[in-house]
Structure formats: C-alpha cells, structure tokens
Amino acid sequence: MAKQLHVELVAVEEKVWSGEVEMVVAKTTEGELGVLPGHAPLLGQLAEPGEVRLKLGDGEQHAWHVAGGFLSVTTEGVTILAESAVPSESPAAH
C-alpha cells in the first residue's frame, strides 16, 4: 500500500472532510501545489477562487471550490482552512 497523508478540510463553521489520501492538489496564490507524503512543511495562502482536489488510494477523487484561507503541511499531515468549501461538480470529483 502506498504511503498516505492525513487531511483535514475545514470551513469556517464545519469540518468538511477528513481522511487519508495519496495526494492533495490545491491552488495557492503562488500557483498550483501538489502535496505527497513526505512533503516539506509549508504554509500557503489559498487562491480566490480556488480548488482543492484529494486523490484517494483507490483512484477516487474529491474536489471542492474554496474561497480564502490557508493550507498547512506538517509532519502530521495537511490541514486546509477555508472560509468556504463547496463540492465541485467536475467529472474528477465522481
């Protein structure tokens, strides 16, 4: 089994998603960022409008449109703190 990242996606008033993924892709103010297990710690500002995509181990993907917030990568995993997060309706999200 491939290494996994623990991810917490949190909007202002609720936890949106929590679980294990193989990869996180997020649009930040510095450009699109891909995070794999073992990534160096960082703090990035999410772009507005932005999107966060989570690639699960079984090939499934989940995606959200996010507004504002930050992405934090630590040795513990990835935390995405967004002002709002709305599920994407793109084919990749199914």
PDB file of N, CA and C in Angstrom:
ATOM      1  N   MET A   1       0.842  -1.185   0.000  1.00  0.00           N
ATOM      2  CA  MET A   1       0.000   0.000   0.000  1.00  0.00           C
ATOM      3  C   MET A   1       0.883   1.243   0.000  1.00  0.00           C
ATOM      4  N   ALA A   2       0.503   2.216  -0.820  1.00  0.00           N
ATOM      5  CA  ALA A   2       1.265   3.457  -0.903  1.00  0.00           C
ATOM      6  C   ALA A   2       1.117   4.258   0.384  1.00  0.00           C
ATOM      7  N   LYS A   3       2.113   5.098   0.634  1.00  0.00           N
ATOM      8  CA  LYS A   3       2.020   5.982   1.804  1.00  0.00           C
ATOM      9  C   LYS A   3       0.820   6.898   1.661  1.00  0.00           C
ATOM     10  N   GLN A   4       0.266   7.284   2.792  1.00  0.00           N
ATOM     11  CA  GLN A   4      -0.922   8.121   2.816  1.00  0.00           C
ATOM     12  C   GLN A   4      -0.652   9.394   3.618  1.00  0.00           C
ATOM     13  N   LEU A   5      -1.418  10.426   3.318  1.00  0.00           N
ATOM     14  CA  LEU A   5      -1.404  11.684   4.054  1.00  0.00           C
ATOM     15  C   LEU A   5      -2.719  11.808   4.807  1.00  0.00           C
ATOM     16  N   HIS A   6      -2.672  12.275   6.031  1.00  0.00           N
ATOM     17  CA  HIS A   6      -3.916  12.570   6.736  1.00  0.00           C
ATOM     18  C   HIS A   6      -4.309  13.999   6.399  1.00  0.00           C
ATOM     19  N   VAL A   7      -5.560  14.187   5.959  1.00  0.00           N
ATOM     20  CA  VAL A   7      -6.029  15.501   5.529  1.00  0.00           C
ATOM     21  C   VAL A   7      -7.268  15.901   6.322  1.00  0.00           C
ATOM     22  N   GLU A   8      -7.287  17.154   6.733  1.00  0.00           N
ATOM     23  CA  GLU A   8      -8.458  17.772   7.358  1.00  0.00           C
ATOM     24  C   GLU A   8      -8.820  18.983   6.502  1.00  0.00           C
ATOM     25  N   LEU A   9     -10.038  18.988   5.947  1.00  0.00           N
ATOM     26  CA  LEU A   9     -10.543  20.143   5.208  1.00  0.00           C
ATOM     27  C   LEU A   9     -11.628  20.770   6.076  1.00  0.00           C
ATOM     28  N   VAL A  10     -11.377  22.009   6.505  1.00  0.00           N
ATOM     29  CA  VAL A  10     -12.265  22.680   7.452  1.00  0.00           C
ATOM     30  C   VAL A  10     -12.693  24.024   6.879  1.00  0.00           C
ATOM     31  N   ALA A  11     -14.015  24.271   6.888  1.00  0.00           N
ATOM     32  CA  ALA A  11     -14.541  25.584   6.527  1.00  0.00           C
ATOM     33  C   ALA A  11     -14.831  26.326   7.833  1.00  0.00           C
ATOM     34  N   VAL A  12     -15.234  27.561   7.737  1.00  0.00           N
ATOM     35  CA  VAL A  12     -15.398  28.404   8.922  1.00  0.00           C
ATOM     36  C   VAL A  12     -16.272  27.741   9.988  1.00  0.00           C
ATOM     37  N   GLU A  13     -17.379  27.137   9.589  1.00  0.00           N
ATOM     38  CA  GLU A  13     -18.315  26.639  10.582  1.00  0.00           C
ATOM     39  C   GLU A  13     -18.401  25.121  10.684  1.00  0.00           C
ATOM     40  N   GLU A  14     -17.633  24.366   9.888  1.00  0.00           N
ATOM     41  CA  GLU A  14     -17.767  22.915   9.935  1.00  0.00           C
ATOM     42  C   GLU A  14     -16.544  22.194   9.382  1.00  0.00           C
ATOM     43  N   LYS A  15     -16.352  20.952   9.843  1.00  0.00           N
ATOM     44  CA  LYS A  15     -15.349  20.086   9.233  1.00  0.00           C
ATOM     45  C   LYS A  15     -15.990  19.525   7.974  1.00  0.00           C
ATOM     46  N   VAL A  16     -15.366  19.749   6.832  1.00  0.00           N
ATOM     47  CA  VAL A  16     -15.927  19.353   5.545  1.00  0.00           C
ATOM     48  C   VAL A  16     -15.540  17.924   5.195  1.00  0.00           C
ATOM     49  N   TRP A  17     -14.272  17.568   5.411  1.00  0.00           N
ATOM     50  CA  TRP A  17     -13.794  16.233   5.052  1.00  0.00           C
ATOM     51  C   TRP A  17     -12.560  15.910   5.879  1.00  0.00           C
ATOM     52  N   SER A  18     -12.420  14.635   6.225  1.00  0.00           N
ATOM     53  CA  SER A  18     -11.253  14.177   6.967  1.00  0.00           C
ATOM     54  C   SER A  18     -10.956  12.751   6.537  1.00  0.00           C
ATOM     55  N   GLY A  19      -9.686  12.447   6.303  1.00  0.00           N
ATOM     56  CA  GLY A  19      -9.341  11.088   5.936  1.00  0.00           C
ATOM     57  C   GLY A  19      -7.933  10.977   5.393  1.00  0.00           C
ATOM     58  N   GLU A  20      -7.656   9.815   4.828  1.00  0.00           N
ATOM     59  CA  GLU A  20      -6.337   9.505   4.286  1.00  0.00           C
ATOM     60  C   GLU A  20      -6.366   9.603   2.766  1.00  0.00           C
ATOM     61  N   VAL A  21      -5.354  10.233   2.197  1.00  0.00           N
ATOM     62  CA  VAL A  21      -5.258  10.397   0.745  1.00  0.00           C
ATOM     63  C   VAL A  21      -3.830  10.113   0.284  1.00  0.00           C
ATOM     64  N   GLU A  22      -3.683   9.907  -1.031  1.00  0.00           N
ATOM     65  CA  GLU A  22      -2.347   9.741  -1.610  1.00  0.00           C
ATOM     66  C   GLU A  22      -1.753  11.077  -2.021  1.00  0.00           C
ATOM     67  N   MET A  23      -2.631  12.049  -2.390  1.00  0.00           N
ATOM     68  CA  MET A  23      -2.129  13.333  -2.872  1.00  0.00           C
ATOM     69  C   MET A  23      -3.175  14.421  -2.681  1.00  0.00           C
ATOM     70  N   VAL A  24      -2.691  15.618  -2.377  1.00  0.00           N
ATOM     71  CA  VAL A  24      -3.527  16.817  -2.294  1.00  0.00           C
ATOM     72  C   VAL A  24      -3.045  17.777  -3.372  1.00  0.00           C
ATOM     73  N   VAL A  25      -3.983  18.340  -4.131  1.00  0.00           N
ATOM     74  CA  VAL A  25      -3.650  19.375  -5.110  1.00  0.00           C
ATOM     75  C   VAL A  25      -4.482  20.599  -4.753  1.00  0.00           C
ATOM     76  N   ALA A  26      -3.821  21.742  -4.573  1.00  0.00           N
ATOM     77  CA  ALA A  26      -4.521  22.968  -4.196  1.00  0.00           C
ATOM     78  C   ALA A  26      -3.976  24.140  -4.988  1.00  0.00           C
ATOM     79  N   LYS A  27      -4.857  25.081  -5.305  1.00  0.00           N
ATOM     80  CA  LYS A  27      -4.464  26.305  -5.982  1.00  0.00           C
ATOM     81  C   LYS A  27      -4.153  27.345  -4.915  1.00  0.00           C
ATOM     82  N   THR A  28      -2.904  27.791  -4.872  1.00  0.00           N
ATOM     83  CA  THR A  28      -2.493  28.807  -3.910  1.00  0.00           C
ATOM     84  C   THR A  28      -2.164  30.103  -4.661  1.00  0.00           C
ATOM     85  N   THR A  29      -1.886  31.143  -3.916  1.00  0.00           N
ATOM     86  CA  THR A  29      -1.526  32.417  -4.538  1.00  0.00           C
ATOM     87  C   THR A  29      -0.192  32.319  -5.285  1.00  0.00           C
ATOM     88  N   GLU A  30       0.586  31.283  -5.002  1.00  0.00           N
ATOM     89  CA  GLU A  30       1.872  31.073  -5.672  1.00  0.00           C
ATOM     90  C   GLU A  30       1.751  30.123  -6.861  1.00  0.00           C
ATOM     91  N   GLY A  31       0.547  29.571  -7.100  1.00  0.00           N
ATOM     92  CA  GLY A  31       0.326  28.628  -8.184  1.00  0.00           C
ATOM     93  C   GLY A  31      -0.229  27.317  -7.649  1.00  0.00           C
ATOM     94  N   GLU A  32      -0.437  26.352  -8.555  1.00  0.00           N
ATOM     95  CA  GLU A  32      -0.985  25.067  -8.136  1.00  0.00           C
ATOM     96  C   GLU A  32       0.096  24.264  -7.423  1.00  0.00           C
ATOM     97  N   LEU A  33      -0.294  23.619  -6.340  1.00  0.00           N
ATOM     98  CA  LEU A  33       0.644  22.904  -5.486  1.00  0.00           C
ATOM     99  C   LEU A  33       0.171  21.471  -5.303  1.00  0.00           C
ATOM    100  N   GLY A  34       1.063  20.513  -5.518  1.00  0.00           N
ATOM    101  CA  GLY A  34       0.768  19.114  -5.253  1.00  0.00           C
ATOM    102  C   GLY A  34       1.531  18.670  -4.011  1.00  0.00           C
ATOM    103  N   VAL A  35       0.842  17.982  -3.090  1.00  0.00           N
ATOM    104  CA  VAL A  35       1.462  17.536  -1.843  1.00  0.00           C
ATOM    105  C   VAL A  35       1.359  16.026  -1.759  1.00  0.00           C
ATOM    106  N   LEU A  36       2.511  15.380  -1.645  1.00  0.00           N
ATOM    107  CA  LEU A  36       2.600  13.929  -1.481  1.00  0.00           C
ATOM    108  C   LEU A  36       3.157  13.621  -0.094  1.00  0.00           C
ATOM    109  N   PRO A  37       3.008  12.388   0.382  1.00  0.00           N
ATOM    110  CA  PRO A  37       3.610  12.031   1.677  1.00  0.00           C
ATOM    111  C   PRO A  37       5.098  12.378   1.696  1.00  0.00           C
ATOM    112  N   GLY A  38       5.570  12.935   2.814  1.00  0.00           N
ATOM    113  CA  GLY A  38       6.974  13.310   2.942  1.00  0.00           C
ATOM    114  C   GLY A  38       7.279  14.723   2.474  1.00  0.00           C
ATOM    115  N   HIS A  39       6.259  15.462   2.048  1.00  0.00           N
ATOM    116  CA  HIS A  39       6.457  16.846   1.584  1.00  0.00           C
ATOM    117  C   HIS A  39       7.020  17.701   2.720  1.00  0.00           C
ATOM    118  N   ALA A  40       7.863  18.643   2.369  1.00  0.00           N
ATOM    119  CA  ALA A  40       8.420  19.573   3.364  1.00  0.00           C
ATOM    120  C   ALA A  40       7.308  20.417   3.972  1.00  0.00           C
ATOM    121  N   PRO A  41       7.413  20.748   5.249  1.00  0.00           N
ATOM    122  CA  PRO A  41       6.410  21.606   5.885  1.00  0.00           C
ATOM    123  C   PRO A  41       6.310  22.958   5.177  1.00  0.00           C
ATOM    124  N   LEU A  42       5.079  23.468   5.078  1.00  0.00           N
ATOM    125  CA  LEU A  42       4.877  24.785   4.473  1.00  0.00           C
ATOM    126  C   LEU A  42       3.526  25.332   4.884  1.00  0.00           C
ATOM    127  N   LEU A  43       3.367  26.625   4.667  1.00  0.00           N
ATOM    128  CA  LEU A  43       2.097  27.298   4.875  1.00  0.00           C
ATOM    129  C   LEU A  43       1.830  28.095   3.615  1.00  0.00           C
ATOM    130  N   GLY A  44       0.684  27.848   2.973  1.00  0.00           N
ATOM    131  CA  GLY A  44       0.351  28.552   1.745  1.00  0.00           C
ATOM    132  C   GLY A  44      -1.010  29.205   1.839  1.00  0.00           C
ATOM    133  N   GLN A  45      -1.172  30.347   1.171  1.00  0.00           N
ATOM    134  CA  GLN A  45      -2.458  31.027   1.127  1.00  0.00           C
ATOM    135  C   GLN A  45      -3.231  30.512  -0.072  1.00  0.00           C
ATOM    136  N   LEU A  46      -4.487  30.076   0.151  1.00  0.00           N
ATOM    137  CA  LEU A  46      -5.317  29.584  -0.941  1.00  0.00           C
ATOM    138  C   LEU A  46      -5.707  30.731  -1.861  1.00  0.00           C
ATOM    139  N   ALA A  47      -5.705  30.455  -3.165  1.00  0.00           N
ATOM    140  CA  ALA A  47      -6.101  31.452  -4.158  1.00  0.00           C
ATOM    141  C   ALA A  47      -7.621  31.617  -4.129  1.00  0.00           C
ATOM    142  N   GLU A  48      -8.071  32.796  -4.565  1.00  0.00           N
ATOM    143  CA  GLU A  48      -9.508  33.054  -4.671  1.00  0.00           C
ATOM    144  C   GLU A  48      -9.842  33.413  -6.100  1.00  0.00           C
ATOM    145  N   PRO A  49     -10.728  32.722  -6.794  1.00  0.00           N
ATOM    146  CA  PRO A  49     -11.311  31.464  -6.338  1.00  0.00           C
ATOM    147  C   PRO A  49     -10.276  30.352  -6.463  1.00  0.00           C
ATOM    148  N   GLY A  50     -10.447  29.316  -5.692  1.00  0.00           N
ATOM    149  CA  GLY A  50      -9.503  28.215  -5.719  1.00  0.00           C
ATOM    150  C   GLY A  50     -10.201  26.878  -5.729  1.00  0.00           C
ATOM    151  N   GLU A  51      -9.403  25.837  -5.867  1.00  0.00           N
ATOM    152  CA  GLU A  51      -9.939  24.480  -5.837  1.00  0.00           C
ATOM    153  C   GLU A  51      -8.964  23.601  -5.071  1.00  0.00           C
ATOM    154  N   VAL A  52      -9.522  22.658  -4.325  1.00  0.00           N
ATOM    155  CA  VAL A  52      -8.732  21.649  -3.628  1.00  0.00           C
ATOM    156  C   VAL A  52      -9.192  20.295  -4.142  1.00  0.00           C
ATOM    157  N   ARG A  53      -8.223  19.463  -4.570  1.00  0.00           N
ATOM    158  CA  ARG A  53      -8.543  18.116  -5.045  1.00  0.00           C
ATOM    159  C   ARG A  53      -7.798  17.105  -4.188  1.00  0.00           C
ATOM    160  N   LEU A  54      -8.508  16.075  -3.767  1.00  0.00           N
ATOM    161  CA  LEU A  54      -7.924  14.998  -2.973  1.00  0.00           C
ATOM    162  C   LEU A  54      -7.967  13.718  -3.791  1.00  0.00           C
ATOM    163  N   LYS A  55      -6.805  13.075  -3.941  1.00  0.00           N
ATOM    164  CA  LYS A  55      -6.714  11.822  -4.683  1.00  0.00           C
ATOM    165  C   LYS A  55      -6.567  10.684  -3.685  1.00  0.00           C
ATOM    166  N   LEU A  56      -7.598   9.843  -3.613  1.00  0.00           N
ATOM    167  CA  LEU A  56      -7.612   8.740  -2.675  1.00  0.00           C
ATOM    168  C   LEU A  56      -6.868   7.531  -3.252  1.00  0.00           C
ATOM    169  N   GLY A  57      -6.530   6.580  -2.392  1.00  0.00           N
ATOM    170  CA  GLY A  57      -5.756   5.414  -2.797  1.00  0.00           C
ATOM    171  C   GLY A  57      -6.436   4.514  -3.801  1.00  0.00           C
ATOM    172  N   ASP A  58      -7.760   4.513  -3.843  1.00  0.00           N
ATOM    173  CA  ASP A  58      -8.479   3.636  -4.758  1.00  0.00           C
ATOM    174  C   ASP A  58      -8.721   4.283  -6.118  1.00  0.00           C
ATOM    175  N   GLY A  59      -8.095   5.419  -6.373  1.00  0.00           N
ATOM    176  CA  GLY A  59      -8.264   6.113  -7.640  1.00  0.00           C
ATOM    177  C   GLY A  59      -9.394   7.139  -7.610  1.00  0.00           C
ATOM    178  N   GLU A  60     -10.192   7.125  -6.564  1.00  0.00           N
ATOM    179  CA  GLU A  60     -11.284   8.085  -6.434  1.00  0.00           C
ATOM    180  C   GLU A  60     -10.722   9.472  -6.131  1.00  0.00           C
ATOM    181  N   GLN A  61     -11.444  10.497  -6.580  1.00  0.00           N
ATOM    182  CA  GLN A  61     -11.046  11.870  -6.303  1.00  0.00           C
ATOM    183  C   GLN A  61     -12.220  12.651  -5.742  1.00  0.00           C
ATOM    184  N   HIS A  62     -11.926  13.593  -4.865  1.00  0.00           N
ATOM    185  CA  HIS A  62     -12.914  14.530  -4.341  1.00  0.00           C
ATOM    186  C   HIS A  62     -12.375  15.923  -4.614  1.00  0.00           C
ATOM    187  N   ALA A  63     -13.276  16.856  -4.930  1.00  0.00           N
ATOM    188  CA  ALA A  63     -12.841  18.227  -5.220  1.00  0.00           C
ATOM    189  C   ALA A  63     -13.832  19.226  -4.637  1.00  0.00           C
ATOM    190  N   TRP A  64     -13.296  20.356  -4.188  1.00  0.00           N
ATOM    191  CA  TRP A  64     -14.100  21.441  -3.641  1.00  0.00           C
ATOM    192  C   TRP A  64     -13.623  22.763  -4.202  1.00  0.00           C
ATOM    193  N   HIS A  65     -14.576  23.668  -4.455  1.00  0.00           N
ATOM    194  CA  HIS A  65     -14.246  25.061  -4.742  1.00  0.00           C
ATOM    195  C   HIS A  65     -14.099  25.727  -3.378  1.00  0.00           C
ATOM    196  N   VAL A  66     -12.994  26.427  -3.162  1.00  0.00           N
ATOM    197  CA  VAL A  66     -12.764  27.067  -1.870  1.00  0.00           C
ATOM    198  C   VAL A  66     -12.575  28.569  -2.065  1.00  0.00           C
ATOM    199  N   ALA A  67     -12.930  29.306  -1.021  1.00  0.00           N
ATOM    200  CA  ALA A  67     -12.741  30.754  -1.027  1.00  0.00           C
ATOM    201  C   ALA A  67     -11.917  31.115   0.191  1.00  0.00           C
ATOM    202  N   GLY A  68     -10.784  31.744  -0.055  1.00  0.00           N
ATOM    203  CA  GLY A  68      -9.943  32.216   1.037  1.00  0.00           C
ATOM    204  C   GLY A  68      -9.431  31.119   1.935  1.00  0.00           C
ATOM    205  N   GLY A  69      -8.451  31.442   2.719  1.00  0.00           N
ATOM    206  CA  GLY A  69      -7.940  30.502   3.694  1.00  0.00           C
ATOM    207  C   GLY A  69      -6.496  30.097   3.445  1.00  0.00           C
ATOM    208  N   PHE A  70      -6.106  29.021   4.146  1.00  0.00           N
ATOM    209  CA  PHE A  70      -4.716  28.581   4.127  1.00  0.00           C
ATOM    210  C   PHE A  70      -4.613  27.068   4.027  1.00  0.00           C
ATOM    211  N   LEU A  71      -3.459  26.617   3.558  1.00  0.00           N
ATOM    212  CA  LEU A  71      -3.109  25.203   3.508  1.00  0.00           C
ATOM    213  C   LEU A  71      -1.836  25.053   4.333  1.00  0.00           C
ATOM    214  N   SER A  72      -1.869  24.136   5.291  1.00  0.00           N
ATOM    215  CA  SER A  72      -0.715  23.892   6.152  1.00  0.00           C
ATOM    216  C   SER A  72      -0.253  22.453   5.989  1.00  0.00           C
ATOM    217  N   VAL A  73       1.024  22.275   5.680  1.00  0.00           N
ATOM    218  CA  VAL A  73       1.612  20.937   5.576  1.00  0.00           C
ATOM    219  C   VAL A  73       2.592  20.774   6.729  1.00  0.00           C
ATOM    220  N   THR A  74       2.384  19.728   7.532  1.00  0.00           N
ATOM    221  CA  THR A  74       3.292  19.417   8.635  1.00  0.00           C
ATOM    222  C   THR A  74       3.650  17.940   8.549  1.00  0.00           C
ATOM    223  N   THR A  75       4.481  17.480   9.467  1.00  0.00           N
ATOM    224  CA  THR A  75       4.809  16.054   9.506  1.00  0.00           C
ATOM    225  C   THR A  75       3.590  15.218   9.888  1.00  0.00           C
ATOM    226  N   GLU A  76       2.573  15.857  10.489  1.00  0.00           N
ATOM    227  CA  GLU A  76       1.339  15.167  10.889  1.00  0.00           C
ATOM    228  C   GLU A  76       0.353  15.006   9.741  1.00  0.00           C
ATOM    229  N   GLY A  77       0.481  15.829   8.686  1.00  0.00           N
ATOM    230  CA  GLY A  77      -0.452  15.768   7.568  1.00  0.00           C
ATOM    231  C   GLY A  77      -0.735  17.141   7.006  1.00  0.00           C
ATOM    232  N   VAL A  78      -1.908  17.269   6.365  1.00  0.00           N
ATOM    233  CA  VAL A  78      -2.291  18.511   5.692  1.00  0.00           C
ATOM    234  C   VAL A  78      -3.591  19.020   6.308  1.00  0.00           C
ATOM    235  N   THR A  79      -3.609  20.298   6.643  1.00  0.00           N
ATOM    236  CA  THR A  79      -4.825  20.948   7.115  1.00  0.00           C
ATOM    237  C   THR A  79      -5.145  22.071   6.151  1.00  0.00           C
ATOM    238  N   ILE A  80      -6.390  22.083   5.674  1.00  0.00           N
ATOM    239  CA  ILE A  80      -6.851  23.134   4.779  1.00  0.00           C
ATOM    240  C   ILE A  80      -7.940  23.894   5.518  1.00  0.00           C
ATOM    241  N   LEU A  81      -7.688  25.172   5.786  1.00  0.00           N
ATOM    242  CA  LEU A  81      -8.637  26.036   6.490  1.00  0.00           C
ATOM    243  C   LEU A  81      -9.181  27.037   5.485  1.00  0.00           C
ATOM    244  N   ALA A  82     -10.437  26.857   5.081  1.00  0.00           N
ATOM    245  CA  ALA A  82     -11.037  27.704   4.060  1.00  0.00           C
ATOM    246  C   ALA A  82     -12.195  28.498   4.643  1.00  0.00           C
ATOM    247  N   GLU A  83     -12.444  29.681   4.082  1.00  0.00           N
ATOM    248  CA  GLU A  83     -13.615  30.449   4.504  1.00  0.00           C
ATOM    249  C   GLU A  83     -14.882  29.724   4.095  1.00  0.00           C
ATOM    250  N   SER A  84     -14.865  29.104   2.897  1.00  0.00           N
ATOM    251  CA  SER A  84     -15.990  28.280   2.452  1.00  0.00           C
ATOM    252  C   SER A  84     -15.454  27.181   1.549  1.00  0.00           C
ATOM    253  N   ALA A  85     -16.183  26.061   1.504  1.00  0.00           N
ATOM    254  CA  ALA A  85     -15.807  24.932   0.644  1.00  0.00           C
ATOM    255  C   ALA A  85     -17.087  24.306   0.104  1.00  0.00           C
ATOM    256  N   VAL A  86     -17.235  24.324  -1.229  1.00  0.00           N
ATOM    257  CA  VAL A  86     -18.421  23.797  -1.898  1.00  0.00           C
ATOM    258  C   VAL A  86     -17.968  22.679  -2.825  1.00  0.00           C
ATOM    259  N   PRO A  87     -18.607  21.496  -2.744  1.00  0.00           N
ATOM    260  CA  PRO A  87     -18.195  20.393  -3.621  1.00  0.00           C
ATOM    261  C   PRO A  87     -18.222  20.797  -5.094  1.00  0.00           C
ATOM    262  N   SER A  88     -17.190  20.382  -5.842  1.00  0.00           N
ATOM    263  CA  SER A  88     -17.139  20.625  -7.287  1.00  0.00           C
ATOM    264  C   SER A  88     -18.022  19.622  -7.988  1.00  0.00           C
ATOM    265  N   GLU A  89     -18.531  20.012  -9.124  1.00  0.00           N
ATOM    266  CA  GLU A  89     -19.356  19.108  -9.925  1.00  0.00           C
ATOM    267  C   GLU A  89     -18.594  18.581 -11.124  1.00  0.00           C
ATOM    268  N   SER A  90     -17.268  18.677 -11.083  1.00  0.00           N
ATOM    269  CA  SER A  90     -16.463  18.215 -12.213  1.00  0.00           C
ATOM    270  C   SER A  90     -16.441  16.690 -12.257  1.00  0.00           C
ATOM    271  N   PRO A  91     -16.219  16.082 -13.445  1.00  0.00           N
ATOM    272  CA  PRO A  91     -16.162  14.629 -13.543  1.00  0.00           C
ATOM    273  C   PRO A  91     -15.112  14.001 -12.646  1.00  0.00           C
ATOM    274  N   ALA A  92     -14.015  14.723 -12.348  1.00  0.00           N
ATOM    275  CA  ALA A  92     -12.958  14.175 -11.498  1.00  0.00           C
ATOM    276  C   ALA A  92     -13.435  13.974 -10.066  1.00  0.00           C
ATOM    277  N   ALA A  93     -14.510  14.636  -9.693  1.00  0.00           N
ATOM    278  CA  ALA A  93     -14.995  14.546  -8.315  1.00  0.00           C
ATOM    279  C   ALA A  93     -15.876  13.326  -8.103  1.00  0.00           C
ATOM    280  N   HIS A  94     -16.181  12.577  -9.161  1.00  0.00           N
ATOM    281  CA  HIS A  94     -17.075  11.421  -9.015  1.00  0.00           C
ATOM    282  C   HIS A  94     -16.318  10.140  -8.901  1.00  0.00           C
TER     283      HIS A  94
END
